[in-house]
C-alpha cells in the first residue's frame, strides 16, 4: 500500500479527479502534495497508505487508474528535458512575455530564479561563450526540475 500511496502522490490531479475516492483520501493526497519537508511528507504518505488499507475499494480504484495511466502515459508526451528545451528557446525568443506565461501556467515558477537566469542567457548572444552556456544549462535544468515536479504543466 505504501507504493500505491507514493504513486498516488505522483499521479496527475486530472487522473485523481476521474477516480472515485472518498474525501478523506482525496484531501490527504492534496495535503501531502503541498508538504515540502521530506520527513513530514513521508509521514503523510504513510498515513495515506493506512487510509488505503482501510478502504480496499478505493485502493483498487486508485490502483487501476494508475496502472492504466502507466501504460499510456508516455505516448505522445515529450520528456521533461525536451519540454524544458522548448521553453528555454521560447524564453530566449520572447523574453518577459514567455516568462509571464510560464509563471501564469505554473505558480511555483514564480519562486524560482528564472528571471536572472533568463537575463544572463539572453545577454550572451554567442552560445559558444562559457557564461552563456552555463546560464542556458542552469535555465534548462531548473525548468526540467519544474516540469518533473508537476507533470500536468502543459506547453502552450
N, C-alpha and C. Protein backbone atom coordinates (compact mmCIF):
# COMPACT_ATOMS: atom_id res chain seq x y z
N UNK A 1 0.81 -1.20 0.00
CA UNK A 1 0.00 0.00 0.00
C UNK A 1 0.85 1.27 0.00
N UNK A 2 2.04 1.17 0.58
CA UNK A 2 2.91 2.35 0.62
C UNK A 2 3.32 2.75 -0.79
N UNK A 3 3.59 1.78 -1.65
CA UNK A 3 3.93 2.09 -3.04
C UNK A 3 2.76 2.72 -3.76
N UNK A 4 1.55 2.24 -3.49
CA UNK A 4 0.37 2.83 -4.10
C UNK A 4 0.18 4.27 -3.62
N UNK A 5 0.44 4.51 -2.35
CA UNK A 5 0.32 5.87 -1.81
C UNK A 5 1.33 6.79 -2.47
N UNK A 6 2.57 6.31 -2.66
CA UNK A 6 3.59 7.12 -3.34
C UNK A 6 3.17 7.41 -4.77
N UNK A 7 2.64 6.40 -5.46
CA UNK A 7 2.20 6.58 -6.84
C UNK A 7 1.04 7.56 -6.92
N UNK A 8 0.17 7.53 -5.92
CA UNK A 8 -0.97 8.46 -5.90
C UNK A 8 -0.49 9.90 -5.77
N UNK A 9 0.56 10.12 -4.99
CA UNK A 9 1.10 11.47 -4.83
C UNK A 9 1.76 11.96 -6.11
N UNK A 10 2.29 11.06 -6.90
CA UNK A 10 2.96 11.45 -8.15
C UNK A 10 1.99 11.51 -9.33
N UNK A 11 0.81 10.95 -9.17
CA UNK A 11 -0.16 10.92 -10.27
C UNK A 11 -0.71 12.33 -10.52
N UNK A 12 -1.04 12.64 -11.76
CA UNK A 12 -1.62 13.95 -12.07
C UNK A 12 -2.99 14.16 -11.40
N UNK A 13 -3.30 15.38 -11.10
CA UNK A 13 -4.59 15.70 -10.48
C UNK A 13 -5.76 15.31 -11.36
N UNK A 14 -5.57 15.43 -12.68
CA UNK A 14 -6.65 15.05 -13.60
C UNK A 14 -7.02 13.58 -13.43
N UNK A 15 -6.02 12.75 -13.22
CA UNK A 15 -6.26 11.32 -13.05
C UNK A 15 -7.03 11.07 -11.76
N UNK A 16 -6.65 11.74 -10.70
CA UNK A 16 -7.33 11.55 -9.42
C UNK A 16 -8.74 12.11 -9.45
N UNK A 17 -8.97 13.13 -10.24
CA UNK A 17 -10.31 13.69 -10.34
C UNK A 17 -11.27 12.71 -11.01
N UNK A 18 -10.75 11.86 -11.87
CA UNK A 18 -11.59 10.88 -12.58
C UNK A 18 -11.89 9.65 -11.73
N UNK A 19 -11.13 9.42 -10.68
CA UNK A 19 -11.37 8.25 -9.85
C UNK A 19 -12.32 8.59 -8.72
N UNK A 20 -13.05 7.58 -8.28
CA UNK A 20 -13.99 7.80 -7.18
C UNK A 20 -13.28 7.48 -5.87
N UNK A 21 -12.77 8.53 -5.25
CA UNK A 21 -12.07 8.39 -3.97
C UNK A 21 -12.87 9.09 -2.88
N UNK A 22 -12.89 8.52 -1.70
CA UNK A 22 -13.54 9.21 -0.58
C UNK A 22 -12.82 10.53 -0.26
N UNK A 23 -13.56 11.46 0.28
CA UNK A 23 -12.98 12.77 0.59
C UNK A 23 -11.76 12.73 1.50
N UNK A 24 -11.74 11.91 2.56
CA UNK A 24 -10.53 11.91 3.40
C UNK A 24 -9.27 11.50 2.63
N UNK A 25 -9.39 10.55 1.73
CA UNK A 25 -8.23 10.11 0.95
C UNK A 25 -7.82 11.22 -0.02
N UNK A 26 -8.79 11.81 -0.69
CA UNK A 26 -8.50 12.89 -1.64
C UNK A 26 -7.85 14.08 -0.93
N UNK A 27 -8.36 14.44 0.23
CA UNK A 27 -7.80 15.55 0.99
C UNK A 27 -6.40 15.25 1.49
N UNK A 28 -6.16 14.00 1.88
CA UNK A 28 -4.83 13.60 2.33
C UNK A 28 -3.83 13.69 1.19
N UNK A 29 -4.24 13.29 0.00
CA UNK A 29 -3.36 13.38 -1.18
C UNK A 29 -3.02 14.84 -1.46
N UNK A 30 -4.03 15.69 -1.45
CA UNK A 30 -3.81 17.12 -1.71
C UNK A 30 -2.90 17.74 -0.65
N UNK A 31 -3.12 17.38 0.60
CA UNK A 31 -2.31 17.93 1.69
C UNK A 31 -0.86 17.43 1.58
N UNK A 32 -0.68 16.17 1.27
CA UNK A 32 0.67 15.60 1.16
C UNK A 32 1.43 16.24 0.01
N UNK A 33 0.76 16.58 -1.07
CA UNK A 33 1.43 17.21 -2.21
C UNK A 33 1.96 18.60 -1.87
N UNK A 34 1.32 19.26 -0.94
CA UNK A 34 1.76 20.61 -0.56
C UNK A 34 2.93 20.60 0.42
N UNK A 35 3.19 19.47 1.04
CA UNK A 35 4.24 19.37 2.05
C UNK A 35 5.60 19.33 1.36
N UNK A 36 6.52 20.16 1.81
CA UNK A 36 7.85 20.20 1.23
C UNK A 36 8.90 19.50 2.10
N UNK A 37 8.64 19.38 3.37
CA UNK A 37 9.58 18.71 4.27
C UNK A 37 9.58 17.21 3.98
N UNK A 38 10.76 16.64 3.81
CA UNK A 38 10.88 15.22 3.46
C UNK A 38 10.23 14.32 4.51
N UNK A 39 10.54 14.53 5.76
CA UNK A 39 10.02 13.68 6.83
C UNK A 39 8.51 13.83 6.97
N UNK A 40 8.03 15.06 6.92
CA UNK A 40 6.59 15.29 7.04
C UNK A 40 5.84 14.65 5.86
N UNK A 41 6.42 14.75 4.68
CA UNK A 41 5.77 14.14 3.51
C UNK A 41 5.78 12.61 3.64
N UNK A 42 6.86 12.06 4.16
CA UNK A 42 6.95 10.62 4.37
C UNK A 42 5.88 10.16 5.37
N UNK A 43 5.71 10.92 6.43
CA UNK A 43 4.70 10.61 7.44
C UNK A 43 3.29 10.68 6.83
N UNK A 44 3.04 11.70 6.02
CA UNK A 44 1.72 11.84 5.39
C UNK A 44 1.48 10.73 4.38
N UNK A 45 2.53 10.29 3.69
CA UNK A 45 2.41 9.18 2.74
C UNK A 45 2.05 7.90 3.49
N UNK A 46 2.66 7.68 4.65
CA UNK A 46 2.33 6.51 5.47
C UNK A 46 0.88 6.57 5.94
N UNK A 47 0.41 7.77 6.29
CA UNK A 47 -0.98 7.93 6.70
C UNK A 47 -1.92 7.64 5.53
N UNK A 48 -1.55 8.07 4.34
CA UNK A 48 -2.35 7.78 3.15
C UNK A 48 -2.41 6.27 2.91
N UNK A 49 -1.30 5.59 3.08
CA UNK A 49 -1.27 4.13 2.93
C UNK A 49 -2.21 3.47 3.94
N UNK A 50 -2.24 4.00 5.15
CA UNK A 50 -3.14 3.47 6.18
C UNK A 50 -4.61 3.65 5.76
N UNK A 51 -4.93 4.82 5.22
CA UNK A 51 -6.30 5.06 4.75
C UNK A 51 -6.66 4.13 3.60
N UNK A 52 -5.70 3.88 2.72
CA UNK A 52 -5.96 2.99 1.59
C UNK A 52 -6.14 1.54 2.04
N UNK A 53 -5.40 1.12 3.08
CA UNK A 53 -5.58 -0.23 3.62
C UNK A 53 -6.96 -0.39 4.23
N UNK A 54 -7.47 0.68 4.82
CA UNK A 54 -8.78 0.64 5.46
C UNK A 54 -9.92 0.64 4.45
N UNK A 55 -9.66 1.09 3.24
CA UNK A 55 -10.69 1.16 2.20
C UNK A 55 -10.21 0.43 0.94
N UNK A 56 -10.36 -0.88 0.89
CA UNK A 56 -9.85 -1.65 -0.25
C UNK A 56 -10.51 -1.28 -1.58
N UNK A 57 -11.74 -0.82 -1.54
CA UNK A 57 -12.43 -0.42 -2.77
C UNK A 57 -11.76 0.81 -3.39
N UNK A 58 -11.46 1.78 -2.56
CA UNK A 58 -10.77 2.99 -3.04
C UNK A 58 -9.37 2.65 -3.52
N UNK A 59 -8.69 1.74 -2.80
CA UNK A 59 -7.35 1.34 -3.20
C UNK A 59 -7.37 0.65 -4.56
N UNK A 60 -8.37 -0.20 -4.79
CA UNK A 60 -8.48 -0.90 -6.08
C UNK A 60 -8.76 0.08 -7.21
N UNK A 61 -9.63 1.06 -6.96
CA UNK A 61 -9.95 2.07 -7.95
C UNK A 61 -8.72 2.89 -8.30
N UNK A 62 -7.99 3.29 -7.29
CA UNK A 62 -6.78 4.08 -7.49
C UNK A 62 -5.71 3.26 -8.22
N UNK A 63 -5.57 2.00 -7.84
CA UNK A 63 -4.58 1.12 -8.47
C UNK A 63 -4.88 0.94 -9.95
N UNK A 64 -6.14 0.73 -10.29
CA UNK A 64 -6.49 0.52 -11.71
C UNK A 64 -6.28 1.80 -12.52
N UNK A 65 -6.57 2.95 -11.93
CA UNK A 65 -6.38 4.22 -12.65
C UNK A 65 -4.89 4.49 -12.88
N UNK A 66 -4.07 4.22 -11.87
CA UNK A 66 -2.63 4.46 -12.00
C UNK A 66 -2.02 3.47 -12.97
N UNK A 67 -2.45 2.22 -12.92
CA UNK A 67 -1.93 1.20 -13.84
C UNK A 67 -2.30 1.54 -15.28
N UNK A 68 -3.54 1.95 -15.50
CA UNK A 68 -3.98 2.33 -16.85
C UNK A 68 -3.18 3.53 -17.36
N UNK A 69 -2.91 4.48 -16.48
CA UNK A 69 -2.13 5.65 -16.88
C UNK A 69 -0.71 5.25 -17.24
N UNK A 70 -0.14 4.34 -16.46
CA UNK A 70 1.23 3.91 -16.70
C UNK A 70 1.43 3.31 -18.07
N UNK A 71 0.41 2.63 -18.57
CA UNK A 71 0.53 2.02 -19.89
C UNK A 71 0.49 3.04 -21.02
N UNK A 72 -0.19 4.15 -20.77
CA UNK A 72 -0.38 5.13 -21.84
C UNK A 72 0.23 6.49 -21.55
N UNK A 73 0.92 6.63 -20.44
CA UNK A 73 1.39 7.94 -20.00
C UNK A 73 2.41 8.55 -20.94
N UNK A 74 3.32 7.77 -21.44
CA UNK A 74 4.41 8.36 -22.20
C UNK A 74 4.10 8.51 -23.69
N UNK A 75 3.00 7.96 -24.14
CA UNK A 75 2.67 8.04 -25.56
C UNK A 75 2.30 9.48 -25.91
N UNK A 76 3.06 10.08 -26.81
CA UNK A 76 2.76 11.42 -27.29
C UNK A 76 3.16 12.54 -26.36
N UNK A 77 3.79 12.24 -25.25
CA UNK A 77 4.21 13.29 -24.32
C UNK A 77 5.72 13.47 -24.39
N UNK A 78 6.17 14.70 -24.56
CA UNK A 78 7.61 14.93 -24.59
C UNK A 78 8.21 14.76 -23.20
N UNK A 79 9.48 14.45 -23.16
CA UNK A 79 10.16 14.29 -21.88
C UNK A 79 10.33 15.65 -21.22
N UNK A 80 10.65 15.64 -19.95
CA UNK A 80 10.86 16.90 -19.22
C UNK A 80 11.99 17.71 -19.82
N UNK A 81 13.07 17.02 -20.24
CA UNK A 81 14.20 17.73 -20.84
C UNK A 81 13.81 18.39 -22.15
N UNK A 82 13.01 17.70 -22.95
CA UNK A 82 12.56 18.28 -24.21
C UNK A 82 11.63 19.46 -23.97
N UNK A 83 10.72 19.31 -23.02
CA UNK A 83 9.82 20.42 -22.68
C UNK A 83 10.62 21.61 -22.17
N UNK A 84 11.63 21.34 -21.35
CA UNK A 84 12.48 22.41 -20.83
C UNK A 84 13.21 23.11 -21.97
N UNK A 85 13.75 22.34 -22.91
CA UNK A 85 14.46 22.93 -24.04
C UNK A 85 13.53 23.82 -24.87
N UNK A 86 12.31 23.36 -25.10
CA UNK A 86 11.35 24.17 -25.86
C UNK A 86 11.04 25.48 -25.14
N UNK A 87 10.87 25.39 -23.81
CA UNK A 87 10.59 26.61 -23.06
C UNK A 87 11.80 27.54 -23.04
N UNK A 88 13.00 26.98 -22.97
CA UNK A 88 14.20 27.81 -22.99
C UNK A 88 14.27 28.58 -24.31
N UNK A 89 14.04 27.89 -25.41
CA UNK A 89 14.05 28.55 -26.71
C UNK A 89 12.98 29.64 -26.77
N UNK A 90 11.83 29.32 -26.24
CA UNK A 90 10.75 30.30 -26.24
C UNK A 90 11.07 31.49 -25.34
N UNK A 91 11.65 31.22 -24.18
CA UNK A 91 12.03 32.30 -23.27
C UNK A 91 13.10 33.21 -23.88
N UNK A 92 14.06 32.62 -24.57
CA UNK A 92 15.11 33.41 -25.21
C UNK A 92 14.49 34.26 -26.32
N UNK A 93 13.59 33.67 -27.07
CA UNK A 93 12.98 34.34 -28.22
C UNK A 93 12.01 35.45 -27.77
N UNK A 94 11.13 35.14 -26.80
CA UNK A 94 10.05 36.07 -26.43
C UNK A 94 10.33 36.88 -25.17
N UNK A 95 11.25 36.41 -24.34
CA UNK A 95 11.64 37.16 -23.14
C UNK A 95 10.59 37.21 -22.06
N UNK A 96 10.31 38.42 -21.59
CA UNK A 96 9.41 38.64 -20.45
C UNK A 96 8.00 38.12 -20.70
N UNK A 97 7.54 38.19 -21.95
CA UNK A 97 6.19 37.71 -22.27
C UNK A 97 6.07 36.22 -22.00
N UNK A 98 7.05 35.45 -22.47
CA UNK A 98 7.03 34.00 -22.26
C UNK A 98 7.21 33.67 -20.78
N UNK A 99 8.03 34.45 -20.08
CA UNK A 99 8.22 34.22 -18.65
C UNK A 99 6.92 34.45 -17.89
N UNK A 100 6.18 35.48 -18.26
CA UNK A 100 4.88 35.74 -17.63
C UNK A 100 3.91 34.60 -17.90
N UNK A 101 3.92 34.06 -19.11
CA UNK A 101 3.04 32.91 -19.45
C UNK A 101 3.42 31.68 -18.64
N UNK A 102 4.71 31.44 -18.50
CA UNK A 102 5.17 30.30 -17.74
C UNK A 102 4.75 30.43 -16.27
N UNK A 103 4.91 31.62 -15.72
CA UNK A 103 4.53 31.84 -14.32
C UNK A 103 3.02 31.76 -14.12
N UNK A 104 2.26 32.17 -15.12
CA UNK A 104 0.80 32.06 -15.03
C UNK A 104 0.36 30.60 -15.11
N UNK A 105 1.04 29.82 -15.94
CA UNK A 105 0.67 28.42 -16.10
C UNK A 105 1.14 27.58 -14.92
N UNK A 106 2.20 28.00 -14.28
CA UNK A 106 2.75 27.23 -13.18
C UNK A 106 3.16 28.17 -12.06
N UNK A 107 2.32 28.36 -11.05
CA UNK A 107 2.60 29.32 -9.98
C UNK A 107 3.93 29.09 -9.26
N UNK A 108 4.39 27.84 -9.17
CA UNK A 108 5.65 27.57 -8.48
C UNK A 108 6.84 28.17 -9.21
N UNK A 109 6.69 28.46 -10.48
CA UNK A 109 7.78 29.05 -11.27
C UNK A 109 8.13 30.45 -10.75
N UNK A 110 7.17 31.10 -10.10
CA UNK A 110 7.44 32.45 -9.58
C UNK A 110 8.52 32.44 -8.51
N UNK A 111 8.62 31.34 -7.77
CA UNK A 111 9.58 31.29 -6.67
C UNK A 111 10.98 30.87 -7.14
N UNK A 112 11.12 30.51 -8.40
CA UNK A 112 12.42 30.08 -8.92
C UNK A 112 13.18 31.27 -9.50
N UNK A 113 14.49 31.20 -9.52
CA UNK A 113 15.29 32.33 -10.04
C UNK A 113 15.36 32.32 -11.57
N UNK A 114 14.20 32.32 -12.23
CA UNK A 114 14.17 32.23 -13.68
C UNK A 114 14.58 33.53 -14.36
N UNK A 115 14.16 34.65 -13.81
CA UNK A 115 14.44 35.92 -14.46
C UNK A 115 15.94 36.21 -14.56
N UNK A 116 16.71 36.07 -13.47
CA UNK A 116 18.16 36.30 -13.61
C UNK A 116 18.82 35.32 -14.57
N UNK A 117 18.36 34.06 -14.56
CA UNK A 117 18.93 33.08 -15.48
C UNK A 117 18.59 33.44 -16.93
N UNK A 118 17.37 33.89 -17.14
CA UNK A 118 16.95 34.28 -18.48
C UNK A 118 17.75 35.49 -18.96
N UNK A 119 17.91 36.48 -18.09
CA UNK A 119 18.68 37.67 -18.47
C UNK A 119 20.13 37.31 -18.80
N UNK A 120 20.72 36.43 -18.00
CA UNK A 120 22.11 36.02 -18.26
C UNK A 120 22.21 35.26 -19.58
N UNK A 121 21.24 34.40 -19.84
CA UNK A 121 21.27 33.62 -21.08
C UNK A 121 21.04 34.51 -22.30
N UNK A 122 20.15 35.49 -22.18
CA UNK A 122 19.88 36.38 -23.32
C UNK A 122 21.04 37.34 -23.57
N UNK A 123 21.74 37.72 -22.51
CA UNK A 123 22.88 38.63 -22.65
C UNK A 123 23.98 38.02 -23.51
N UNK A 124 24.09 36.74 -23.44
CA UNK A 124 25.14 36.04 -24.18
C UNK A 124 24.62 35.68 -25.56
N UNK A 125 24.93 36.49 -26.52
CA UNK A 125 24.46 36.24 -27.89
C UNK A 125 25.14 35.02 -28.50
N UNK A 126 26.37 34.76 -28.11
CA UNK A 126 27.12 33.64 -28.65
C UNK A 126 26.98 32.44 -27.73
N UNK A 127 26.28 31.37 -28.16
CA UNK A 127 26.09 30.21 -27.30
C UNK A 127 27.39 29.46 -27.01
N UNK A 128 28.46 29.76 -27.75
CA UNK A 128 29.75 29.11 -27.51
C UNK A 128 30.49 29.72 -26.33
N UNK A 129 30.09 30.92 -25.95
CA UNK A 129 30.75 31.58 -24.84
C UNK A 129 30.41 30.86 -23.53
N UNK A 130 31.39 30.70 -22.67
CA UNK A 130 31.26 29.88 -21.47
C UNK A 130 30.11 30.33 -20.57
N UNK A 131 30.01 31.61 -20.27
CA UNK A 131 28.96 32.08 -19.36
C UNK A 131 27.58 31.88 -19.96
N UNK A 132 27.46 32.04 -21.27
CA UNK A 132 26.17 31.83 -21.93
C UNK A 132 25.73 30.38 -21.84
N UNK A 133 26.69 29.48 -22.03
CA UNK A 133 26.35 28.06 -21.93
C UNK A 133 25.96 27.69 -20.51
N UNK A 134 26.66 28.24 -19.53
CA UNK A 134 26.33 27.96 -18.14
C UNK A 134 24.92 28.44 -17.80
N UNK A 135 24.61 29.65 -18.21
CA UNK A 135 23.28 30.20 -17.93
C UNK A 135 22.20 29.38 -18.62
N UNK A 136 22.42 29.01 -19.87
CA UNK A 136 21.44 28.19 -20.59
C UNK A 136 21.27 26.83 -19.92
N UNK A 137 22.37 26.23 -19.51
CA UNK A 137 22.30 24.93 -18.87
C UNK A 137 21.56 25.00 -17.54
N UNK A 138 21.84 26.03 -16.73
CA UNK A 138 21.13 26.18 -15.46
C UNK A 138 19.64 26.44 -15.69
N UNK A 139 19.31 27.24 -16.72
CA UNK A 139 17.92 27.51 -17.04
C UNK A 139 17.22 26.21 -17.46
N UNK A 140 17.86 25.41 -18.31
CA UNK A 140 17.30 24.12 -18.74
C UNK A 140 17.08 23.19 -17.55
N UNK A 141 18.07 23.10 -16.67
CA UNK A 141 17.97 22.22 -15.51
C UNK A 141 16.86 22.66 -14.56
N UNK A 142 16.74 23.97 -14.36
CA UNK A 142 15.71 24.50 -13.49
C UNK A 142 14.33 24.19 -14.04
N UNK A 143 14.15 24.40 -15.35
CA UNK A 143 12.85 24.12 -15.97
C UNK A 143 12.55 22.63 -15.98
N UNK A 144 13.54 21.79 -16.24
CA UNK A 144 13.33 20.34 -16.24
C UNK A 144 12.88 19.88 -14.85
N UNK A 145 13.48 20.43 -13.80
CA UNK A 145 13.07 20.09 -12.44
C UNK A 145 11.65 20.57 -12.17
N UNK A 146 11.30 21.74 -12.69
CA UNK A 146 9.95 22.27 -12.54
C UNK A 146 8.95 21.35 -13.22
N UNK A 147 9.24 20.90 -14.43
CA UNK A 147 8.33 20.01 -15.15
C UNK A 147 8.26 18.64 -14.50
N UNK A 148 9.35 18.19 -13.93
CA UNK A 148 9.35 16.89 -13.26
C UNK A 148 8.49 16.94 -12.00
N UNK A 149 8.44 18.09 -11.33
CA UNK A 149 7.65 18.22 -10.11
C UNK A 149 6.16 18.33 -10.41
N UNK A 150 5.81 18.76 -11.61
CA UNK A 150 4.41 18.87 -11.97
C UNK A 150 4.21 18.41 -13.40
N UNK A 151 3.95 17.12 -13.62
CA UNK A 151 3.83 16.60 -14.96
C UNK A 151 2.60 17.12 -15.71
N UNK A 152 1.70 17.79 -15.00
CA UNK A 152 0.50 18.28 -15.67
C UNK A 152 0.72 19.58 -16.42
N UNK A 153 1.82 20.27 -16.17
CA UNK A 153 2.07 21.54 -16.82
C UNK A 153 2.18 21.31 -18.33
N UNK A 154 1.26 21.86 -19.05
CA UNK A 154 1.22 21.68 -20.50
C UNK A 154 1.95 22.80 -21.19
N UNK A 155 2.42 22.51 -22.37
CA UNK A 155 3.04 23.56 -23.20
C UNK A 155 1.93 24.31 -23.89
N UNK A 156 2.17 25.59 -24.13
CA UNK A 156 1.17 26.40 -24.84
C UNK A 156 1.50 26.42 -26.31
